[in-house]
């Protein structure tokens, strides 16, 4: 399987159940359903690179993304 969406480098990924989230150097976050290979969510959430992604272990639809040195934000996304 090959998932293509980012305009720049992918800086991080996180997988939980049948979903994968990826964060890019362009500040975008993409979430896919691995069974259907379809987007669940796509958005430019950060003004800099997305350096960290993590799914919440007790609320499975909650994703946290952390921006790099140009951004300095943590964004919580209800997928």
PDB file of N, CA and C in Angstrom:
ATOM      1  N   UNK A   1       0.842  -1.166   0.000  1.00  0.00           N
ATOM      2  CA  UNK A   1       0.000   0.000   0.000  1.00  0.00           C
ATOM      3  C   UNK A   1       0.895   1.240   0.000  1.00  0.00           C
ATOM      4  N   UNK A   2       0.495   2.234  -0.758  1.00  0.00           N
ATOM      5  CA  UNK A   2       1.231   3.491  -0.818  1.00  0.00           C
ATOM      6  C   UNK A   2       0.228   4.634  -0.665  1.00  0.00           C
ATOM      7  N   UNK A   3       0.432   5.474   0.357  1.00  0.00           N
ATOM      8  CA  UNK A   3      -0.436   6.612   0.624  1.00  0.00           C
ATOM      9  C   UNK A   3       0.332   7.878   0.259  1.00  0.00           C
ATOM     10  N   UNK A   4      -0.195   8.656  -0.656  1.00  0.00           N
ATOM     11  CA  UNK A   4       0.503   9.839  -1.153  1.00  0.00           C
ATOM     12  C   UNK A   4      -0.355  11.070  -0.904  1.00  0.00           C
ATOM     13  N   UNK A   5       0.231  12.089  -0.248  1.00  0.00           N
ATOM     14  CA  UNK A   5      -0.523  13.322  -0.014  1.00  0.00           C
ATOM     15  C   UNK A   5       0.360  14.526   0.292  1.00  0.00           C
ATOM     16  N   UNK A   6       1.475  14.328   0.961  1.00  0.00           N
ATOM     17  CA  UNK A   6       2.290  15.450   1.422  1.00  0.00           C
ATOM     18  C   UNK A   6       3.051  16.108   0.268  1.00  0.00           C
ATOM     19  N   UNK A   7       3.160  17.442   0.346  1.00  0.00           N
ATOM     20  CA  UNK A   7       3.934  18.201  -0.635  1.00  0.00           C
ATOM     21  C   UNK A   7       5.415  18.211  -0.301  1.00  0.00           C
ATOM     22  N   UNK A   8       5.742  18.013   0.979  1.00  0.00           N
ATOM     23  CA  UNK A   8       7.126  18.010   1.432  1.00  0.00           C
ATOM     24  C   UNK A   8       7.390  16.737   2.227  1.00  0.00           C
ATOM     25  N   UNK A   9       8.536  16.683   2.906  1.00  0.00           N
ATOM     26  CA  UNK A   9       8.936  15.484   3.628  1.00  0.00           C
ATOM     27  C   UNK A   9       7.940  15.126   4.729  1.00  0.00           C
ATOM     28  N   UNK A  10       7.803  13.825   4.977  1.00  0.00           N
ATOM     29  CA  UNK A  10       7.011  13.324   6.096  1.00  0.00           C
ATOM     30  C   UNK A  10       7.926  13.298   7.311  1.00  0.00           C
ATOM     31  N   UNK A  11       7.487  13.958   8.391  1.00  0.00           N
ATOM     32  CA  UNK A  11       8.316  14.073   9.592  1.00  0.00           C
ATOM     33  C   UNK A  11       7.910  13.099  10.690  1.00  0.00           C
ATOM     34  N   UNK A  12       6.703  12.559  10.619  1.00  0.00           N
ATOM     35  CA  UNK A  12       6.269  11.625  11.649  1.00  0.00           C
ATOM     36  C   UNK A  12       5.025  10.883  11.240  1.00  0.00           C
ATOM     37  N   UNK A  13       4.883   9.675  11.807  1.00  0.00           N
ATOM     38  CA  UNK A  13       3.670   8.889  11.594  1.00  0.00           C
ATOM     39  C   UNK A  13       3.265   8.244  12.911  1.00  0.00           C
ATOM     40  N   UNK A  14       1.974   7.934  13.016  1.00  0.00           N
ATOM     41  CA  UNK A  14       1.452   7.218  14.171  1.00  0.00           C
ATOM     42  C   UNK A  14       0.310   6.335  13.683  1.00  0.00           C
ATOM     43  N   UNK A  15       0.302   5.082  14.146  1.00  0.00           N
ATOM     44  CA  UNK A  15      -0.701   4.118  13.707  1.00  0.00           C
ATOM     45  C   UNK A  15      -1.477   3.626  14.922  1.00  0.00           C
ATOM     46  N   UNK A  16      -2.808   3.567  14.772  1.00  0.00           N
ATOM     47  CA  UNK A  16      -3.662   3.001  15.810  1.00  0.00           C
ATOM     48  C   UNK A  16      -4.846   2.318  15.138  1.00  0.00           C
ATOM     49  N   UNK A  17      -5.092   1.092  15.536  1.00  0.00           N
ATOM     50  CA  UNK A  17      -6.173   0.296  14.950  1.00  0.00           C
ATOM     51  C   UNK A  17      -6.024   0.294  13.431  1.00  0.00           C
ATOM     52  N   UNK A  18      -7.000   0.748  12.698  1.00  0.00           N
ATOM     53  CA  UNK A  18      -6.933   0.759  11.234  1.00  0.00           C
ATOM     54  C   UNK A  18      -6.683   2.147  10.676  1.00  0.00           C
ATOM     55  N   UNK A  19      -6.072   3.018  11.479  1.00  0.00           N
ATOM     56  CA  UNK A  19      -5.815   4.391  11.027  1.00  0.00           C
ATOM     57  C   UNK A  19      -4.341   4.721  11.139  1.00  0.00           C
ATOM     58  N   UNK A  20      -3.890   5.528  10.195  1.00  0.00           N
ATOM     59  CA  UNK A  20      -2.523   6.042  10.249  1.00  0.00           C
ATOM     60  C   UNK A  20      -2.592   7.556  10.092  1.00  0.00           C
ATOM     61  N   UNK A  21      -1.813   8.254  10.914  1.00  0.00           N
ATOM     62  CA  UNK A  21      -1.707   9.707  10.826  1.00  0.00           C
ATOM     63  C   UNK A  21      -0.272  10.028  10.420  1.00  0.00           C
ATOM     64  N   UNK A  22      -0.130  10.999   9.517  1.00  0.00           N
ATOM     65  CA  UNK A  22       1.203  11.431   9.118  1.00  0.00           C
ATOM     66  C   UNK A  22       1.282  12.948   9.192  1.00  0.00           C
ATOM     67  N   UNK A  23       2.436  13.426   9.609  1.00  0.00           N
ATOM     68  CA  UNK A  23       2.680  14.860   9.696  1.00  0.00           C
ATOM     69  C   UNK A  23       3.834  15.232   8.794  1.00  0.00           C
ATOM     70  N   UNK A  24       3.706  16.385   8.129  1.00  0.00           N
ATOM     71  CA  UNK A  24       4.715  16.768   7.152  1.00  0.00           C
ATOM     72  C   UNK A  24       5.484  18.024   7.498  1.00  0.00           C
ATOM     73  N   UNK A  25       6.537  18.242   6.748  1.00  0.00           N
ATOM     74  CA  UNK A  25       7.376  19.419   6.892  1.00  0.00           C
ATOM     75  C   UNK A  25       6.616  20.697   6.545  1.00  0.00           C
ATOM     76  N   UNK A  26       5.523  20.564   5.805  1.00  0.00           N
ATOM     77  CA  UNK A  26       4.712  21.719   5.406  1.00  0.00           C
ATOM     78  C   UNK A  26       3.646  22.083   6.440  1.00  0.00           C
ATOM     79  N   UNK A  27       3.604  21.406   7.590  1.00  0.00           N
ATOM     80  CA  UNK A  27       2.639  21.696   8.643  1.00  0.00           C
ATOM     81  C   UNK A  27       1.331  20.956   8.520  1.00  0.00           C
ATOM     82  N   UNK A  28       1.220  20.073   7.553  1.00  0.00           N
ATOM     83  CA  UNK A  28      -0.042  19.364   7.332  1.00  0.00           C
ATOM     84  C   UNK A  28      -0.091  18.040   8.086  1.00  0.00           C
ATOM     85  N   UNK A  29      -1.311  17.654   8.435  1.00  0.00           N
ATOM     86  CA  UNK A  29      -1.584  16.376   9.085  1.00  0.00           C
ATOM     87  C   UNK A  29      -2.629  15.650   8.246  1.00  0.00           C
ATOM     88  N   UNK A  30      -2.340  14.408   7.896  1.00  0.00           N
ATOM     89  CA  UNK A  30      -3.265  13.569   7.139  1.00  0.00           C
ATOM     90  C   UNK A  30      -3.583  12.331   7.957  1.00  0.00           C
ATOM     91  N   UNK A  31      -4.852  11.910   7.920  1.00  0.00           N
ATOM     92  CA  UNK A  31      -5.292  10.693   8.598  1.00  0.00           C
ATOM     93  C   UNK A  31      -6.001   9.829   7.571  1.00  0.00           C
ATOM     94  N   UNK A  32      -5.598   8.558   7.496  1.00  0.00           N
ATOM     95  CA  UNK A  32      -6.191   7.608   6.557  1.00  0.00           C
ATOM     96  C   UNK A  32      -6.798   6.436   7.296  1.00  0.00           C
ATOM     97  N   UNK A  33      -7.820   5.866   6.677  1.00  0.00           N
ATOM     98  CA  UNK A  33      -8.342   4.575   7.077  1.00  0.00           C
ATOM     99  C   UNK A  33      -7.571   3.540   6.258  1.00  0.00           C
ATOM    100  N   UNK A  34      -6.865   2.646   6.913  1.00  0.00           N
ATOM    101  CA  UNK A  34      -6.024   1.678   6.199  1.00  0.00           C
ATOM    102  C   UNK A  34      -6.824   0.604   5.471  1.00  0.00           C
ATOM    103  N   UNK A  35      -8.027   0.299   5.947  1.00  0.00           N
ATOM    104  CA  UNK A  35      -8.832  -0.715   5.265  1.00  0.00           C
ATOM    105  C   UNK A  35      -9.327  -0.201   3.916  1.00  0.00           C
ATOM    106  N   UNK A  36      -9.790   1.031   3.886  1.00  0.00           N
ATOM    107  CA  UNK A  36     -10.349   1.573   2.645  1.00  0.00           C
ATOM    108  C   UNK A  36      -9.351   2.417   1.849  1.00  0.00           C
ATOM    109  N   UNK A  37      -8.185   2.746   2.474  1.00  0.00           N
ATOM    110  CA  UNK A  37      -7.166   3.605   1.876  1.00  0.00           C
ATOM    111  C   UNK A  37      -7.723   4.991   1.535  1.00  0.00           C
ATOM    112  N   UNK A  38      -8.697   5.456   2.309  1.00  0.00           N
ATOM    113  CA  UNK A  38      -9.339   6.758   2.098  1.00  0.00           C
ATOM    114  C   UNK A  38      -8.929   7.731   3.193  1.00  0.00           C
ATOM    115  N   UNK A  39      -8.927   9.035   2.819  1.00  0.00           N
ATOM    116  CA  UNK A  39      -8.688  10.072   3.813  1.00  0.00           C
ATOM    117  C   UNK A  39      -9.822  10.106   4.825  1.00  0.00           C
ATOM    118  N   UNK A  40      -9.471  10.247   6.083  1.00  0.00           N
ATOM    119  CA  UNK A  40     -10.433  10.559   7.125  1.00  0.00           C
ATOM    120  C   UNK A  40     -10.375  12.060   7.385  1.00  0.00           C
ATOM    121  N   UNK A  41      -9.160  12.589   7.392  1.00  0.00           N
ATOM    122  CA  UNK A  41      -8.974  14.003   7.703  1.00  0.00           C
ATOM    123  C   UNK A  41      -7.686  14.497   7.056  1.00  0.00           C
ATOM    124  N   UNK A  42      -7.711  15.725   6.581  1.00  0.00           N
ATOM    125  CA  UNK A  42      -6.515  16.380   6.043  1.00  0.00           C
ATOM    126  C   UNK A  42      -6.616  17.861   6.362  1.00  0.00           C
ATOM    127  N   UNK A  43      -5.565  18.412   6.945  1.00  0.00           N
ATOM    128  CA  UNK A  43      -5.597  19.817   7.310  1.00  0.00           C
ATOM    129  C   UNK A  43      -4.190  20.327   7.563  1.00  0.00           C
ATOM    130  N   UNK A  44      -3.983  21.606   7.299  1.00  0.00           N
ATOM    131  CA  UNK A  44      -2.731  22.257   7.664  1.00  0.00           C
ATOM    132  C   UNK A  44      -2.927  22.851   9.046  1.00  0.00           C
ATOM    133  N   UNK A  45      -2.443  22.160  10.060  1.00  0.00           N
ATOM    134  CA  UNK A  45      -2.678  22.538  11.444  1.00  0.00           C
ATOM    135  C   UNK A  45      -1.543  23.341  12.054  1.00  0.00           C
ATOM    136  N   UNK A  46      -0.374  23.303  11.442  1.00  0.00           N
ATOM    137  CA  UNK A  46       0.806  23.937  12.035  1.00  0.00           C
ATOM    138  C   UNK A  46       1.458  24.894  11.036  1.00  0.00           C
ATOM    139  N   UNK A  47       2.150  25.896  11.578  1.00  0.00           N
ATOM    140  CA  UNK A  47       2.858  26.851  10.728  1.00  0.00           C
ATOM    141  C   UNK A  47       4.281  26.393  10.421  1.00  0.00           C
ATOM    142  N   UNK A  48       4.686  25.294  10.996  1.00  0.00           N
ATOM    143  CA  UNK A  48       5.988  24.687  10.725  1.00  0.00           C
ATOM    144  C   UNK A  48       5.829  23.183  10.647  1.00  0.00           C
ATOM    145  N   UNK A  49       6.948  22.491  10.634  1.00  0.00           N
ATOM    146  CA  UNK A  49       6.937  21.032  10.506  1.00  0.00           C
ATOM    147  C   UNK A  49       6.215  20.369  11.672  1.00  0.00           C
ATOM    148  N   UNK A  50       5.533  19.267  11.384  1.00  0.00           N
ATOM    149  CA  UNK A  50       4.885  18.445  12.408  1.00  0.00           C
ATOM    150  C   UNK A  50       5.921  17.424  12.862  1.00  0.00           C
ATOM    151  N   UNK A  51       6.395  17.569  14.077  1.00  0.00           N
ATOM    152  CA  UNK A  51       7.484  16.729  14.575  1.00  0.00           C
ATOM    153  C   UNK A  51       7.031  15.536  15.403  1.00  0.00           C
ATOM    154  N   UNK A  52       5.772  15.553  15.870  1.00  0.00           N
ATOM    155  CA  UNK A  52       5.303  14.451  16.704  1.00  0.00           C
ATOM    156  C   UNK A  52       3.812  14.226  16.482  1.00  0.00           C
ATOM    157  N   UNK A  53       3.416  12.953  16.511  1.00  0.00           N
ATOM    158  CA  UNK A  53       2.007  12.550  16.408  1.00  0.00           C
ATOM    159  C   UNK A  53       1.768  11.416  17.390  1.00  0.00           C
ATOM    160  N   UNK A  54       0.630  11.455  18.074  1.00  0.00           N
ATOM    161  CA  UNK A  54       0.315  10.373  18.994  1.00  0.00           C
ATOM    162  C   UNK A  54      -1.194  10.256  19.167  1.00  0.00           C
ATOM    163  N   UNK A  55      -1.685   9.024  19.086  1.00  0.00           N
ATOM    164  CA  UNK A  55      -3.100   8.747  19.340  1.00  0.00           C
ATOM    165  C   UNK A  55      -3.309   8.595  20.835  1.00  0.00           C
ATOM    166  N   UNK A  56      -4.440   9.066  21.338  1.00  0.00           N
ATOM    167  CA  UNK A  56      -4.807   8.915  22.745  1.00  0.00           C
ATOM    168  C   UNK A  56      -5.153   7.449  23.003  1.00  0.00           C
ATOM    169  N   UNK A  57      -4.575   6.826  24.038  1.00  0.00           N
ATOM    170  CA  UNK A  57      -4.849   5.404  24.280  1.00  0.00           C
ATOM    171  C   UNK A  57      -6.248   5.117  24.818  1.00  0.00           C
ATOM    172  N   UNK A  58      -6.912   6.075  25.459  1.00  0.00           N
ATOM    173  CA  UNK A  58      -8.236   5.823  26.031  1.00  0.00           C
ATOM    174  C   UNK A  58      -9.373   6.479  25.252  1.00  0.00           C
ATOM    175  N   UNK A  59      -9.076   7.406  24.342  1.00  0.00           N
ATOM    176  CA  UNK A  59     -10.092   8.019  23.476  1.00  0.00           C
ATOM    177  C   UNK A  59      -9.571   7.867  22.049  1.00  0.00           C
ATOM    178  N   UNK A  60      -9.964   6.805  21.380  1.00  0.00           N
ATOM    179  CA  UNK A  60      -9.301   6.354  20.152  1.00  0.00           C
ATOM    180  C   UNK A  60      -9.450   7.295  18.958  1.00  0.00           C
ATOM    181  N   UNK A  61     -10.337   8.273  19.014  1.00  0.00           N
ATOM    182  CA  UNK A  61     -10.471   9.201  17.895  1.00  0.00           C
ATOM    183  C   UNK A  61      -9.696  10.501  18.119  1.00  0.00           C
ATOM    184  N   UNK A  62      -8.953  10.611  19.228  1.00  0.00           N
ATOM    185  CA  UNK A  62      -8.216  11.829  19.560  1.00  0.00           C
ATOM    186  C   UNK A  62      -6.745  11.687  19.170  1.00  0.00           C
ATOM    187  N   UNK A  63      -6.276  12.636  18.361  1.00  0.00           N
ATOM    188  CA  UNK A  63      -4.894  12.649  17.881  1.00  0.00           C
ATOM    189  C   UNK A  63      -4.236  13.942  18.339  1.00  0.00           C
ATOM    190  N   UNK A  64      -3.035  13.850  18.876  1.00  0.00           N
ATOM    191  CA  UNK A  64      -2.248  15.026  19.241  1.00  0.00           C
ATOM    192  C   UNK A  64      -1.116  15.172  18.240  1.00  0.00           C
ATOM    193  N   UNK A  65      -0.893  16.409  17.779  1.00  0.00           N
ATOM    194  CA  UNK A  65       0.230  16.675  16.876  1.00  0.00           C
ATOM    195  C   UNK A  65       1.038  17.821  17.446  1.00  0.00           C
ATOM    196  N   UNK A  66       2.348  17.699  17.345  1.00  0.00           N
ATOM    197  CA  UNK A  66       3.246  18.717  17.885  1.00  0.00           C
ATOM    198  C   UNK A  66       4.076  19.353  16.785  1.00  0.00           C
ATOM    199  N   UNK A  67       4.098  20.686  16.778  1.00  0.00           N
ATOM    200  CA  UNK A  67       4.861  21.429  15.785  1.00  0.00           C
ATOM    201  C   UNK A  67       6.307  21.608  16.201  1.00  0.00           C
ATOM    202  N   UNK A  68       7.142  21.924  15.228  1.00  0.00           N
ATOM    203  CA  UNK A  68       8.566  22.105  15.455  1.00  0.00           C
ATOM    204  C   UNK A  68       8.931  23.511  15.895  1.00  0.00           C
ATOM    205  N   UNK A  69      10.165  23.901  15.656  1.00  0.00           N
ATOM    206  CA  UNK A  69      10.709  25.148  16.188  1.00  0.00           C
ATOM    207  C   UNK A  69      10.057  26.407  15.632  1.00  0.00           C
ATOM    208  N   UNK A  70       9.442  26.346  14.463  1.00  0.00           N
ATOM    209  CA  UNK A  70       8.749  27.512  13.913  1.00  0.00           C
ATOM    210  C   UNK A  70       7.311  27.611  14.414  1.00  0.00           C
ATOM    211  N   UNK A  71       6.801  26.584  15.063  1.00  0.00           N
ATOM    212  CA  UNK A  71       5.391  26.508  15.431  1.00  0.00           C
ATOM    213  C   UNK A  71       5.156  26.562  16.936  1.00  0.00           C
ATOM    214  N   UNK A  72       5.806  25.701  17.687  1.00  0.00           N
ATOM    215  CA  UNK A  72       5.704  25.633  19.152  1.00  0.00           C
ATOM    216  C   UNK A  72       4.292  25.349  19.658  1.00  0.00           C
ATOM    217  N   UNK A  73       3.474  24.584  18.931  1.00  0.00           N
ATOM    218  CA  UNK A  73       2.103  24.285  19.345  1.00  0.00           C
ATOM    219  C   UNK A  73       1.869  22.787  19.426  1.00  0.00           C
ATOM    220  N   UNK A  74       0.953  22.412  20.314  1.00  0.00           N
ATOM    221  CA  UNK A  74       0.384  21.062  20.319  1.00  0.00           C
ATOM    222  C   UNK A  74      -1.086  21.244  19.945  1.00  0.00           C
ATOM    223  N   UNK A  75      -1.535  20.492  18.942  1.00  0.00           N
ATOM    224  CA  UNK A  75      -2.908  20.586  18.473  1.00  0.00           C
ATOM    225  C   UNK A  75      -3.583  19.239  18.720  1.00  0.00           C
ATOM    226  N   UNK A  76      -4.801  19.275  19.273  1.00  0.00           N
ATOM    227  CA  UNK A  76      -5.588  18.080  19.491  1.00  0.00           C
ATOM    228  C   UNK A  76      -6.674  18.032  18.435  1.00  0.00           C
ATOM    229  N   UNK A  77      -6.783  16.903  17.770  1.00  0.00           N
ATOM    230  CA  UNK A  77      -7.687  16.756  16.644  1.00  0.00           C
ATOM    231  C   UNK A  77      -8.638  15.595  16.903  1.00  0.00           C
ATOM    232  N   UNK A  78      -9.948  15.860  16.847  1.00  0.00           N
ATOM    233  CA  UNK A  78     -10.953  14.827  16.974  1.00  0.00           C
ATOM    234  C   UNK A  78     -11.228  14.289  15.572  1.00  0.00           C
ATOM    235  N   UNK A  79     -10.720  13.106  15.277  1.00  0.00           N
ATOM    236  CA  UNK A  79     -10.841  12.552  13.936  1.00  0.00           C
ATOM    237  C   UNK A  79     -12.169  11.857  13.744  1.00  0.00           C
TER     238      UNK A  79
END
